[in-house]
């Protein structure tokens, strides 16, 4: 990096760009209304950290995020980081699907330069809004020489979290993001980023996934396992043209006898089925409570169902062989 880092802020909307009718009211606020120049103007101290320019990639609440926007975002980041004029990228994003986009970028960005995602749990005009400080902290991390090569990171509430392992575990509080299984990557104190670990699974520059020529992503859905579940959801997804299905099962992604025939039929039709736990976190190893080898299914390791869906989408751009997909889930 140069003495004065050059960072690009890519804005996609979300609560960090939101506004409310009352500074004390959370319910009914409008997300994704403040443009990128407004985000930058709200935190003038950013100029003390780096030279930052902004660009609006999308302006949506993150529940409306799409594969097309994620592809465009990854392709734009790769183009920026391939030049000498950009030392790192900050992405503002809504928190509802932030962890999915972060993991997607962790697999699709092909650079060791820092990529830091950031959001907010309170609208920008709320009392004690968390967005401005989160954005400042994200810039501190993106400007740090120690941030290189660690994969995509998320900075929220003074914490640095790795994209693969973070979860949104609260619907409202500013302390909403944690890495419950493997811990934080680091913390931010004033203008110092302090790192304690990096991502050990394959990511970014070491990733085998290339999205440069992709116009769309394979169709993958999540079927939720529960008491008295049946085969209707999986059958509907297959009929709709799904190439992959994530079974979000109870416990270690167990499969009920009611759903098992639908999974076997889906696999027989060439649909790749991945088992992931419906709980927030935990290990699903191959053969755990279900014979993946015999039934042609894939064990999702420690990925949540939404993240398993992201990896399966990218895996399906390369192969539909369940054993090859399993190897990817064991590596990423």
C-alpha atoms as a PDB file:
ATOM      1  CA  UNK A   1       0.000   0.000   0.000  1.00  0.00           C
ATOM      2  CA  UNK A   2       0.960   3.622  -0.411  1.00  0.00           C
ATOM      3  CA  UNK A   3       1.423   5.860   2.614  1.00  0.00           C
ATOM      4  CA  UNK A   4      -2.061   7.190   1.948  1.00  0.00           C
ATOM      5  CA  UNK A   5      -4.348   4.274   1.058  1.00  0.00           C
ATOM      6  CA  UNK A   6      -6.791   4.716  -1.815  1.00  0.00           C
ATOM      7  CA  UNK A   7     -10.108   3.060  -1.049  1.00  0.00           C
ATOM      8  CA  UNK A   8     -13.297   2.697  -3.069  1.00  0.00           C
ATOM      9  CA  UNK A   9     -16.655   2.682  -1.286  1.00  0.00           C
ATOM     10  CA  UNK A  10     -19.294   0.645  -3.110  1.00  0.00           C
ATOM     11  CA  UNK A  11     -22.786   1.305  -1.769  1.00  0.00           C
ATOM     12  CA  UNK A  12     -25.695  -1.122  -2.095  1.00  0.00           C
ATOM     13  CA  UNK A  13     -28.309   0.373   0.253  1.00  0.00           C
ATOM     14  CA  UNK A  14     -29.574  -1.136   3.509  1.00  0.00           C
ATOM     15  CA  UNK A  15     -30.237   0.337   6.944  1.00  0.00           C
ATOM     16  CA  UNK A  16     -26.912   2.168   6.948  1.00  0.00           C
ATOM     17  CA  UNK A  17     -28.475   4.267   4.168  1.00  0.00           C
ATOM     18  CA  UNK A  18     -31.868   4.388   5.878  1.00  0.00           C
ATOM     19  CA  UNK A  19     -34.077   7.110   7.325  1.00  0.00           C
ATOM     20  CA  UNK A  20     -36.900   7.065   9.871  1.00  0.00           C
ATOM     21  CA  UNK A  21     -39.867   9.258  10.678  1.00  0.00           C
ATOM     22  CA  UNK A  22     -38.599   9.633  14.243  1.00  0.00           C
ATOM     23  CA  UNK A  23     -35.123   9.510  15.726  1.00  0.00           C
ATOM     24  CA  UNK A  24     -36.439   7.205  18.445  1.00  0.00           C
ATOM     25  CA  UNK A  25     -38.494   4.876  16.249  1.00  0.00           C
ATOM     26  CA  UNK A  26     -37.138   1.705  14.698  1.00  0.00           C
ATOM     27  CA  UNK A  27     -40.365   0.281  13.315  1.00  0.00           C
ATOM     28  CA  UNK A  28     -41.345   1.629   9.913  1.00  0.00           C
ATOM     29  CA  UNK A  29     -38.060   3.244   8.884  1.00  0.00           C
ATOM     30  CA  UNK A  30     -37.129   3.393   5.195  1.00  0.00           C
ATOM     31  CA  UNK A  31     -33.935   1.566   4.211  1.00  0.00           C
ATOM     32  CA  UNK A  32     -31.756   2.407   1.211  1.00  0.00           C
ATOM     33  CA  UNK A  33     -32.628   6.079   0.720  1.00  0.00           C
ATOM     34  CA  UNK A  34     -29.305   7.863   1.328  1.00  0.00           C
ATOM     35  CA  UNK A  35     -26.968   7.817  -1.704  1.00  0.00           C
ATOM     36  CA  UNK A  36     -23.275   7.065  -1.462  1.00  0.00           C
ATOM     37  CA  UNK A  37     -22.205  10.714  -1.356  1.00  0.00           C
ATOM     38  CA  UNK A  38     -24.480  11.188   1.657  1.00  0.00           C
ATOM     39  CA  UNK A  39     -22.799   8.300   3.469  1.00  0.00           C
ATOM     40  CA  UNK A  40     -19.382   9.839   2.866  1.00  0.00           C
ATOM     41  CA  UNK A  41     -20.479  13.329   3.875  1.00  0.00           C
ATOM     42  CA  UNK A  42     -21.865  12.021   7.164  1.00  0.00           C
ATOM     43  CA  UNK A  43     -18.407  10.818   8.257  1.00  0.00           C
ATOM     44  CA  UNK A  44     -15.909  13.585   7.412  1.00  0.00           C
ATOM     45  CA  UNK A  45     -13.266  11.855   9.560  1.00  0.00           C
ATOM     46  CA  UNK A  46     -12.898   9.269   6.782  1.00  0.00           C
ATOM     47  CA  UNK A  47     -10.608  11.733   5.033  1.00  0.00           C
ATOM     48  CA  UNK A  48      -8.139  11.326   7.892  1.00  0.00           C
ATOM     49  CA  UNK A  49      -7.877   7.575   7.259  1.00  0.00           C
ATOM     50  CA  UNK A  50      -7.590   7.292   3.477  1.00  0.00           C
ATOM     51  CA  UNK A  51      -8.470   8.818   0.131  1.00  0.00           C
ATOM     52  CA  UNK A  52     -11.974   7.453  -0.395  1.00  0.00           C
ATOM     53  CA  UNK A  53     -14.201   7.754  -3.435  1.00  0.00           C
ATOM     54  CA  UNK A  54     -17.735   6.419  -3.703  1.00  0.00           C
ATOM     55  CA  UNK A  55     -19.858   4.576  -6.223  1.00  0.00           C
ATOM     56  CA  UNK A  56     -23.491   3.439  -6.091  1.00  0.00           C
ATOM     57  CA  UNK A  57     -23.762  -0.202  -7.208  1.00  0.00           C
ATOM     58  CA  UNK A  58     -27.331  -0.777  -5.984  1.00  0.00           C
ATOM     59  CA  UNK A  59     -29.860   0.872  -3.670  1.00  0.00           C
ATOM     60  CA  UNK A  60     -31.934  -1.876  -2.052  1.00  0.00           C
ATOM     61  CA  UNK A  61     -32.942  -3.297   1.290  1.00  0.00           C
ATOM     62  CA  UNK A  62     -30.809  -6.401   1.579  1.00  0.00           C
ATOM     63  CA  UNK A  63     -33.745  -8.800   1.597  1.00  0.00           C
ATOM     64  CA  UNK A  64     -34.133  -7.645  -2.015  1.00  0.00           C
ATOM     65  CA  UNK A  65     -30.526  -8.472  -2.892  1.00  0.00           C
ATOM     66  CA  UNK A  66     -30.233 -10.711  -5.957  1.00  0.00           C
ATOM     67  CA  UNK A  67     -27.684 -12.979  -7.546  1.00  0.00           C
ATOM     68  CA  UNK A  68     -27.395 -10.505 -10.413  1.00  0.00           C
ATOM     69  CA  UNK A  69     -26.412  -7.685  -8.047  1.00  0.00           C
ATOM     70  CA  UNK A  70     -23.932  -9.925  -6.232  1.00  0.00           C
ATOM     71  CA  UNK A  71     -22.332 -10.890  -9.529  1.00  0.00           C
ATOM     72  CA  UNK A  72     -22.091  -7.262 -10.609  1.00  0.00           C
ATOM     73  CA  UNK A  73     -20.604  -6.351  -7.232  1.00  0.00           C
ATOM     74  CA  UNK A  74     -17.968  -9.105  -7.392  1.00  0.00           C
ATOM     75  CA  UNK A  75     -17.060  -8.232 -10.964  1.00  0.00           C
ATOM     76  CA  UNK A  76     -16.712  -4.549 -10.089  1.00  0.00           C
ATOM     77  CA  UNK A  77     -14.537  -5.307  -7.065  1.00  0.00           C
ATOM     78  CA  UNK A  78     -12.273  -7.545  -9.137  1.00  0.00           C
ATOM     79  CA  UNK A  79     -11.909  -4.827 -11.769  1.00  0.00           C
ATOM     80  CA  UNK A  80     -11.056  -2.194  -9.147  1.00  0.00           C
ATOM     81  CA  UNK A  81      -8.551  -4.315  -7.242  1.00  0.00           C
ATOM     82  CA  UNK A  82      -6.778  -5.362 -10.442  1.00  0.00           C
ATOM     83  CA  UNK A  83      -5.554  -1.771 -10.859  1.00  0.00           C
ATOM     84  CA  UNK A  84      -2.807   0.071  -9.006  1.00  0.00           C
ATOM     85  CA  UNK A  85      -5.220   2.914  -8.293  1.00  0.00           C
ATOM     86  CA  UNK A  86      -7.220   1.005  -5.642  1.00  0.00           C
ATOM     87  CA  UNK A  87      -5.737  -0.412  -2.444  1.00  0.00           C
ATOM     88  CA  UNK A  88      -8.947  -1.776  -0.983  1.00  0.00           C
ATOM     89  CA  UNK A  89     -12.740  -1.780  -1.157  1.00  0.00           C
ATOM     90  CA  UNK A  90     -15.470  -1.028   1.383  1.00  0.00           C
ATOM     91  CA  UNK A  91     -18.994  -2.291   0.680  1.00  0.00           C
ATOM     92  CA  UNK A  92     -22.023  -0.893   2.523  1.00  0.00           C
ATOM     93  CA  UNK A  93     -24.848  -3.423   2.707  1.00  0.00           C
ATOM     94  CA  UNK A  94     -28.046  -4.172   4.565  1.00  0.00           C
ATOM     95  CA  UNK A  95     -27.651  -6.567   7.465  1.00  0.00           C
ATOM     96  CA  UNK A  96     -30.464  -9.000   6.588  1.00  0.00           C
ATOM     97  CA  UNK A  97     -28.383 -10.820   3.967  1.00  0.00           C
ATOM     98  CA  UNK A  98     -24.972  -9.293   4.655  1.00  0.00           C
ATOM     99  CA  UNK A  99     -23.458 -12.623   5.672  1.00  0.00           C
ATOM    100  CA  UNK A 100     -24.502 -14.248   2.386  1.00  0.00           C
ATOM    101  CA  UNK A 101     -23.040 -11.498   0.207  1.00  0.00           C
ATOM    102  CA  UNK A 102     -19.885 -11.454   2.305  1.00  0.00           C
ATOM    103  CA  UNK A 103     -19.389 -15.194   1.858  1.00  0.00           C
ATOM    104  CA  UNK A 104     -20.123 -14.928  -1.871  1.00  0.00           C
ATOM    105  CA  UNK A 105     -17.471 -12.231  -2.251  1.00  0.00           C
ATOM    106  CA  UNK A 106     -15.086 -14.316  -0.141  1.00  0.00           C
ATOM    107  CA  UNK A 107     -15.342 -16.973  -2.850  1.00  0.00           C
ATOM    108  CA  UNK A 108     -15.574 -14.715  -5.913  1.00  0.00           C
ATOM    109  CA  UNK A 109     -13.065 -11.887  -5.319  1.00  0.00           C
ATOM    110  CA  UNK A 110      -9.645 -12.725  -6.801  1.00  0.00           C
ATOM    111  CA  UNK A 111      -7.298 -10.450  -4.862  1.00  0.00           C
ATOM    112  CA  UNK A 112      -5.360 -10.279  -1.609  1.00  0.00           C
ATOM    113  CA  UNK A 113      -6.265  -6.605  -1.182  1.00  0.00           C
ATOM    114  CA  UNK A 114      -8.710  -5.864   1.639  1.00  0.00           C
ATOM    115  CA  UNK A 115     -12.454  -6.076   1.044  1.00  0.00           C
ATOM    116  CA  UNK A 116     -14.465  -4.928   4.054  1.00  0.00           C
ATOM    117  CA  UNK A 117     -18.246  -5.023   4.324  1.00  0.00           C
ATOM    118  CA  UNK A 118     -20.197  -2.881   6.743  1.00  0.00           C
ATOM    119  CA  UNK A 119     -23.798  -2.193   7.691  1.00  0.00           C
ATOM    120  CA  UNK A 120     -25.896  -0.768  10.481  1.00  0.00           C
ATOM    121  CA  UNK A 121     -28.676  -1.888  12.771  1.00  0.00           C
ATOM    122  CA  UNK A 122     -30.110   1.609  13.217  1.00  0.00           C
ATOM    123  CA  UNK A 123     -31.089   4.107  10.519  1.00  0.00           C
ATOM    124  CA  UNK A 124     -28.667   6.951   9.897  1.00  0.00           C
ATOM    125  CA  UNK A 125     -30.909   9.549  11.570  1.00  0.00           C
ATOM    126  CA  UNK A 126     -31.681   7.505  14.697  1.00  0.00           C
ATOM    127  CA  UNK A 127     -30.395   8.409  18.144  1.00  0.00           C
ATOM    128  CA  UNK A 128     -27.034   6.687  18.640  1.00  0.00           C
ATOM    129  CA  UNK A 129     -26.944   5.561  15.010  1.00  0.00           C
ATOM    130  CA  UNK A 130     -24.274   2.896  14.627  1.00  0.00           C
ATOM    131  CA  UNK A 131     -23.674   3.300  10.883  1.00  0.00           C
ATOM    132  CA  UNK A 132     -21.247   6.255  10.911  1.00  0.00           C
ATOM    133  CA  UNK A 133     -18.881   4.666  13.427  1.00  0.00           C
ATOM    134  CA  UNK A 134     -19.154   1.278  11.739  1.00  0.00           C
ATOM    135  CA  UNK A 135     -18.204   2.912   8.430  1.00  0.00           C
ATOM    136  CA  UNK A 136     -15.266   4.713  10.010  1.00  0.00           C
ATOM    137  CA  UNK A 137     -14.056   1.466  11.610  1.00  0.00           C
ATOM    138  CA  UNK A 138     -14.431  -0.338   8.271  1.00  0.00           C
ATOM    139  CA  UNK A 139     -12.206   2.264   6.635  1.00  0.00           C
ATOM    140  CA  UNK A 140      -9.598   1.788   9.366  1.00  0.00           C
ATOM    141  CA  UNK A 141      -9.559  -1.950   8.660  1.00  0.00           C
ATOM    142  CA  UNK A 142      -9.479  -1.550   4.873  1.00  0.00           C
ATOM    143  CA  UNK A 143      -6.579   0.895   5.191  1.00  0.00           C
ATOM    144  CA  UNK A 144      -4.543  -1.428   7.413  1.00  0.00           C
ATOM    145  CA  UNK A 145      -1.552  -3.168   5.873  1.00  0.00           C
ATOM    146  CA  UNK A 146      -2.335  -6.146   8.109  1.00  0.00           C
ATOM    147  CA  UNK A 147      -5.710  -6.618   6.421  1.00  0.00           C
ATOM    148  CA  UNK A 148      -4.267  -8.017   3.203  1.00  0.00           C
ATOM    149  CA  UNK A 149      -4.768 -11.700   2.465  1.00  0.00           C
ATOM    150  CA  UNK A 150      -7.363 -12.349   5.176  1.00  0.00           C
ATOM    151  CA  UNK A 151     -10.337 -12.734   2.864  1.00  0.00           C
ATOM    152  CA  UNK A 152     -13.500 -10.662   2.948  1.00  0.00           C
ATOM    153  CA  UNK A 153     -14.187  -9.160   6.367  1.00  0.00           C
ATOM    154  CA  UNK A 154     -17.210  -7.593   8.027  1.00  0.00           C
ATOM    155  CA  UNK A 155     -16.774  -4.776  10.530  1.00  0.00           C
ATOM    156  CA  UNK A 156     -19.661  -4.183  12.939  1.00  0.00           C
ATOM    157  CA  UNK A 157     -19.715  -2.877  16.502  1.00  0.00           C
ATOM    158  CA  UNK A 158     -15.890  -2.611  16.707  1.00  0.00           C
ATOM    159  CA  UNK A 159     -15.500  -6.274  15.691  1.00  0.00           C
ATOM    160  CA  UNK A 160     -13.692  -7.694  12.674  1.00  0.00           C
ATOM    161  CA  UNK A 161     -15.412 -10.881  11.524  1.00  0.00           C
ATOM    162  CA  UNK A 162     -14.431 -13.311   8.802  1.00  0.00           C
ATOM    163  CA  UNK A 163     -16.996 -13.700   6.017  1.00  0.00           C
ATOM    164  CA  UNK A 164     -17.193 -17.488   6.230  1.00  0.00           C
ATOM    165  CA  UNK A 165     -17.857 -17.711   9.937  1.00  0.00           C
ATOM    166  CA  UNK A 166     -20.007 -14.751  10.928  1.00  0.00           C
ATOM    167  CA  UNK A 167     -23.724 -14.983  11.698  1.00  0.00           C
ATOM    168  CA  UNK A 168     -26.406 -12.405  12.348  1.00  0.00           C
ATOM    169  CA  UNK A 169     -27.732 -13.602  15.680  1.00  0.00           C
ATOM    170  CA  UNK A 170     -30.046 -10.753  16.706  1.00  0.00           C
ATOM    171  CA  UNK A 171     -32.811  -8.951  14.843  1.00  0.00           C
ATOM    172  CA  UNK A 172     -32.463  -5.498  16.460  1.00  0.00           C
ATOM    173  CA  UNK A 173     -29.474  -4.799  18.699  1.00  0.00           C
ATOM    174  CA  UNK A 174     -26.228  -3.246  17.469  1.00  0.00           C
ATOM    175  CA  UNK A 175     -24.444  -6.309  18.851  1.00  0.00           C
ATOM    176  CA  UNK A 176     -26.080  -8.442  16.163  1.00  0.00           C
ATOM    177  CA  UNK A 177     -23.085 -10.125  14.479  1.00  0.00           C
ATOM    178  CA  UNK A 178     -20.844 -12.778  15.979  1.00  0.00           C
ATOM    179  CA  UNK A 179     -18.698 -15.728  14.959  1.00  0.00           C
ATOM    180  CA  UNK A 180     -20.046 -18.271  17.451  1.00  0.00           C
ATOM    181  CA  UNK A 181     -17.942 -21.282  16.432  1.00  0.00           C
ATOM    182  CA  UNK A 182     -14.521 -19.874  15.563  1.00  0.00           C
ATOM    183  CA  UNK A 183     -14.381 -16.428  17.117  1.00  0.00           C
ATOM    184  CA  UNK A 184     -13.493 -12.950  15.954  1.00  0.00           C
ATOM    185  CA  UNK A 185     -10.796 -12.183  13.431  1.00  0.00           C
ATOM    186  CA  UNK A 186      -9.914  -9.033  15.321  1.00  0.00           C
ATOM    187  CA  UNK A 187     -11.122  -5.801  16.859  1.00  0.00           C
ATOM    188  CA  UNK A 188     -10.866  -2.102  16.048  1.00  0.00           C
ATOM    189  CA  UNK A 189      -9.660   0.298  18.722  1.00  0.00           C
ATOM    190  CA  UNK A 190      -9.807   3.963  17.768  1.00  0.00           C
ATOM    191  CA  UNK A 191      -7.740   4.058  14.542  1.00  0.00           C
ATOM    192  CA  UNK A 192      -6.009   0.729  14.980  1.00  0.00           C
ATOM    193  CA  UNK A 193      -7.064  -2.593  13.506  1.00  0.00           C
ATOM    194  CA  UNK A 194      -5.871  -5.441  15.705  1.00  0.00           C
ATOM    195  CA  UNK A 195      -5.856  -8.883  14.094  1.00  0.00           C
ATOM    196  CA  UNK A 196      -5.608 -12.211  15.896  1.00  0.00           C
ATOM    197  CA  UNK A 197      -6.374 -14.739  13.154  1.00  0.00           C
ATOM    198  CA  UNK A 198      -7.156 -15.113   9.466  1.00  0.00           C
ATOM    199  CA  UNK A 199      -9.427 -17.336   7.430  1.00  0.00           C
ATOM    200  CA  UNK A 200      -8.048 -20.868   7.172  1.00  0.00           C
ATOM    201  CA  UNK A 201     -10.364 -22.210   4.462  1.00  0.00           C
ATOM    202  CA  UNK A 202      -9.744 -21.303   0.803  1.00  0.00           C
ATOM    203  CA  UNK A 203     -10.849 -17.803  -0.149  1.00  0.00           C
ATOM    204  CA  UNK A 204     -10.344 -14.820  -2.474  1.00  0.00           C
ATOM    205  CA  UNK A 205      -7.021 -15.036  -4.328  1.00  0.00           C
ATOM    206  CA  UNK A 206      -6.795 -18.773  -3.584  1.00  0.00           C
ATOM    207  CA  UNK A 207     -10.347 -19.455  -4.753  1.00  0.00           C
ATOM    208  CA  UNK A 208     -10.978 -21.584  -7.830  1.00  0.00           C
ATOM    209  CA  UNK A 209     -14.227 -19.804  -8.663  1.00  0.00           C
ATOM    210  CA  UNK A 210     -14.208 -17.377 -11.583  1.00  0.00           C
ATOM    211  CA  UNK A 211     -17.289 -15.165 -11.998  1.00  0.00           C
ATOM    212  CA  UNK A 212     -15.829 -12.860 -14.651  1.00  0.00           C
ATOM    213  CA  UNK A 213     -17.974 -14.228 -17.472  1.00  0.00           C
ATOM    214  CA  UNK A 214     -21.080 -15.187 -15.517  1.00  0.00           C
ATOM    215  CA  UNK A 215     -24.387 -13.491 -16.292  1.00  0.00           C
ATOM    216  CA  UNK A 216     -26.441 -15.451 -13.755  1.00  0.00           C
ATOM    217  CA  UNK A 217     -26.084 -18.036 -11.002  1.00  0.00           C
ATOM    218  CA  UNK A 218     -27.576 -21.548 -10.874  1.00  0.00           C
ATOM    219  CA  UNK A 219     -30.983 -21.880  -9.250  1.00  0.00           C
ATOM    220  CA  UNK A 220     -30.643 -23.193  -5.690  1.00  0.00           C
ATOM    221  CA  UNK A 221     -33.350 -23.268  -3.003  1.00  0.00           C
ATOM    222  CA  UNK A 222     -33.509 -24.053   0.720  1.00  0.00           C
ATOM    223  CA  UNK A 223     -36.036 -26.578   2.081  1.00  0.00           C
ATOM    224  CA  UNK A 224     -36.650 -26.347   5.826  1.00  0.00           C
ATOM    225  CA  UNK A 225     -36.995 -29.521   7.861  1.00  0.00           C
ATOM    226  CA  UNK A 226     -39.495 -29.593  10.729  1.00  0.00           C
ATOM    227  CA  UNK A 227     -41.898 -31.843  12.612  1.00  0.00           C
ATOM    228  CA  UNK A 228     -44.525 -33.252  10.223  1.00  0.00           C
ATOM    229  CA  UNK A 229     -42.613 -32.008   7.182  1.00  0.00           C
ATOM    230  CA  UNK A 230     -43.256 -33.724   3.866  1.00  0.00           C
ATOM    231  CA  UNK A 231     -41.867 -33.871   0.352  1.00  0.00           C
ATOM    232  CA  UNK A 232     -43.946 -31.029  -1.091  1.00  0.00           C
ATOM    233  CA  UNK A 233     -41.299 -28.288  -0.834  1.00  0.00           C
ATOM    234  CA  UNK A 234     -38.527 -30.334  -2.445  1.00  0.00           C
ATOM    235  CA  UNK A 235     -40.856 -31.601  -5.182  1.00  0.00           C
ATOM    236  CA  UNK A 236     -41.926 -28.022  -5.905  1.00  0.00           C
ATOM    237  CA  UNK A 237     -38.343 -26.806  -6.128  1.00  0.00           C
ATOM    238  CA  UNK A 238     -37.404 -29.630  -8.506  1.00  0.00           C
ATOM    239  CA  UNK A 239     -40.468 -28.926 -10.649  1.00  0.00           C
ATOM    240  CA  UNK A 240     -39.488 -25.254 -10.774  1.00  0.00           C
ATOM    241  CA  UNK A 241     -36.083 -26.123 -12.219  1.00  0.00           C
ATOM    242  CA  UNK A 242     -33.794 -26.121  -9.212  1.00  0.00           C
ATOM    243  CA  UNK A 243     -30.287 -27.361  -9.947  1.00  0.00           C
ATOM    244  CA  UNK A 244     -29.482 -27.582  -6.256  1.00  0.00           C
ATOM    245  CA  UNK A 245     -31.340 -27.805  -2.958  1.00  0.00           C
ATOM    246  CA  UNK A 246     -30.084 -27.195   0.567  1.00  0.00           C
ATOM    247  CA  UNK A 247     -31.932 -29.305   3.118  1.00  0.00           C
ATOM    248  CA  UNK A 248     -31.931 -27.281   6.345  1.00  0.00           C
ATOM    249  CA  UNK A 249     -32.488 -30.151   8.730  1.00  0.00           C
ATOM    250  CA  UNK A 250     -32.964 -30.366  12.472  1.00  0.00           C
ATOM    251  CA  UNK A 251     -29.984 -31.331  14.615  1.00  0.00           C
ATOM    252  CA  UNK A 252     -27.171 -32.489  12.353  1.00  0.00           C
ATOM    253  CA  UNK A 253     -29.340 -31.795   9.280  1.00  0.00           C
ATOM    254  CA  UNK A 254     -31.252 -35.023   9.796  1.00  0.00           C
ATOM    255  CA  UNK A 255     -33.763 -36.162   7.166  1.00  0.00           C
ATOM    256  CA  UNK A 256     -37.185 -37.471   8.132  1.00  0.00           C
ATOM    257  CA  UNK A 257     -38.575 -40.614   6.550  1.00  0.00           C
ATOM    258  CA  UNK A 258     -41.248 -38.397   4.998  1.00  0.00           C
ATOM    259  CA  UNK A 259     -38.691 -36.253   3.151  1.00  0.00           C
ATOM    260  CA  UNK A 260     -36.097 -38.910   2.301  1.00  0.00           C
ATOM    261  CA  UNK A 261     -37.906 -40.223  -0.829  1.00  0.00           C
ATOM    262  CA  UNK A 262     -38.085 -36.688  -2.252  1.00  0.00           C
ATOM    263  CA  UNK A 263     -34.355 -36.187  -1.730  1.00  0.00           C
ATOM    264  CA  UNK A 264     -33.550 -39.510  -3.400  1.00  0.00           C
ATOM    265  CA  UNK A 265     -35.814 -38.641  -6.335  1.00  0.00           C
ATOM    266  CA  UNK A 266     -34.199 -35.213  -6.672  1.00  0.00           C
ATOM    267  CA  UNK A 267     -30.703 -36.713  -6.692  1.00  0.00           C
ATOM    268  CA  UNK A 268     -31.806 -39.257  -9.303  1.00  0.00           C
ATOM    269  CA  UNK A 269     -32.868 -36.342 -11.514  1.00  0.00           C
ATOM    270  CA  UNK A 270     -29.430 -34.695 -11.234  1.00  0.00           C
ATOM    271  CA  UNK A 271     -30.260 -32.163  -8.522  1.00  0.00           C
ATOM    272  CA  UNK A 272     -27.409 -31.705  -6.033  1.00  0.00           C
ATOM    273  CA  UNK A 273     -28.684 -31.846  -2.442  1.00  0.00           C
ATOM    274  CA  UNK A 274     -26.645 -30.446   0.448  1.00  0.00           C
ATOM    275  CA  UNK A 275     -27.490 -31.030   4.107  1.00  0.00           C
ATOM    276  CA  UNK A 276     -26.945 -28.088   6.468  1.00  0.00           C
ATOM    277  CA  UNK A 277     -28.159 -27.473  10.040  1.00  0.00           C
ATOM    278  CA  UNK A 278     -31.217 -25.304  10.478  1.00  0.00           C
ATOM    279  CA  UNK A 279     -29.685 -23.981  13.709  1.00  0.00           C
ATOM    280  CA  UNK A 280     -27.338 -21.007  13.654  1.00  0.00           C
ATOM    281  CA  UNK A 281     -24.164 -23.085  13.719  1.00  0.00           C
ATOM    282  CA  UNK A 282     -22.711 -26.556  14.116  1.00  0.00           C
ATOM    283  CA  UNK A 283     -20.942 -29.319  12.203  1.00  0.00           C
ATOM    284  CA  UNK A 284     -22.644 -31.587   9.700  1.00  0.00           C
ATOM    285  CA  UNK A 285     -20.063 -34.214   8.775  1.00  0.00           C
ATOM    286  CA  UNK A 286     -20.421 -36.656   5.922  1.00  0.00           C
ATOM    287  CA  UNK A 287     -22.537 -39.637   6.952  1.00  0.00           C
ATOM    288  CA  UNK A 288     -23.740 -37.989  10.145  1.00  0.00           C
ATOM    289  CA  UNK A 289     -27.353 -39.212  10.686  1.00  0.00           C
ATOM    290  CA  UNK A 290     -27.701 -39.792   6.934  1.00  0.00           C
ATOM    291  CA  UNK A 291     -25.725 -41.973   4.524  1.00  0.00           C
ATOM    292  CA  UNK A 292     -24.494 -39.290   2.122  1.00  0.00           C
ATOM    293  CA  UNK A 293     -22.264 -41.727   0.244  1.00  0.00           C
ATOM    294  CA  UNK A 294     -25.082 -44.171  -0.451  1.00  0.00           C
ATOM    295  CA  UNK A 295     -27.682 -41.507  -1.221  1.00  0.00           C
ATOM    296  CA  UNK A 296     -25.538 -39.149  -3.310  1.00  0.00           C
ATOM    297  CA  UNK A 297     -25.912 -36.134  -1.039  1.00  0.00           C
ATOM    298  CA  UNK A 298     -23.402 -33.604   0.283  1.00  0.00           C
ATOM    299  CA  UNK A 299     -22.611 -32.730   3.917  1.00  0.00           C
ATOM    300  CA  UNK A 300     -22.472 -28.984   4.510  1.00  0.00           C
ATOM    301  CA  UNK A 301     -19.678 -28.922   7.123  1.00  0.00           C
ATOM    302  CA  UNK A 302     -20.138 -25.844   9.371  1.00  0.00           C
ATOM    303  CA  UNK A 303     -21.944 -23.644   6.853  1.00  0.00           C
ATOM    304  CA  UNK A 304     -25.403 -22.303   7.645  1.00  0.00           C
ATOM    305  CA  UNK A 305     -28.140 -23.064   5.091  1.00  0.00           C
ATOM    306  CA  UNK A 306     -27.881 -19.621   3.413  1.00  0.00           C
ATOM    307  CA  UNK A 307     -24.105 -19.910   3.107  1.00  0.00           C
ATOM    308  CA  UNK A 308     -24.372 -23.516   1.924  1.00  0.00           C
ATOM    309  CA  UNK A 309     -26.680 -22.196  -0.786  1.00  0.00           C
ATOM    310  CA  UNK A 310     -24.072 -19.609  -1.838  1.00  0.00           C
ATOM    311  CA  UNK A 311     -21.288 -22.187  -2.091  1.00  0.00           C
ATOM    312  CA  UNK A 312     -23.553 -24.639  -3.909  1.00  0.00           C
ATOM    313  CA  UNK A 313     -24.446 -21.978  -6.475  1.00  0.00           C
ATOM    314  CA  UNK A 314     -20.791 -21.402  -7.259  1.00  0.00           C
ATOM    315  CA  UNK A 315     -19.981 -25.116  -7.134  1.00  0.00           C
ATOM    316  CA  UNK A 316     -22.662 -25.779  -9.747  1.00  0.00           C
ATOM    317  CA  UNK A 317     -20.896 -23.428 -12.150  1.00  0.00           C
ATOM    318  CA  UNK A 318     -18.142 -26.057 -12.234  1.00  0.00           C
ATOM    319  CA  UNK A 319     -19.692 -29.467 -11.618  1.00  0.00           C
ATOM    320  CA  UNK A 320     -22.868 -31.405 -10.825  1.00  0.00           C
ATOM    321  CA  UNK A 321     -20.994 -34.416  -9.457  1.00  0.00           C
ATOM    322  CA  UNK A 322     -21.944 -34.720  -5.754  1.00  0.00           C
ATOM    323  CA  UNK A 323     -18.511 -36.075  -4.824  1.00  0.00           C
ATOM    324  CA  UNK A 324     -16.791 -33.130  -6.504  1.00  0.00           C
ATOM    325  CA  UNK A 325     -19.201 -30.757  -4.752  1.00  0.00           C
ATOM    326  CA  UNK A 326     -18.380 -32.456  -1.448  1.00  0.00           C
ATOM    327  CA  UNK A 327     -14.685 -31.775  -2.015  1.00  0.00           C
ATOM    328  CA  UNK A 328     -15.481 -28.088  -2.475  1.00  0.00           C
ATOM    329  CA  UNK A 329     -17.480 -28.017   0.773  1.00  0.00           C
ATOM    330  CA  UNK A 330     -14.500 -29.637   2.512  1.00  0.00           C
ATOM    331  CA  UNK A 331     -12.126 -26.945   1.168  1.00  0.00           C
ATOM    332  CA  UNK A 332     -14.107 -23.687   1.463  1.00  0.00           C
END
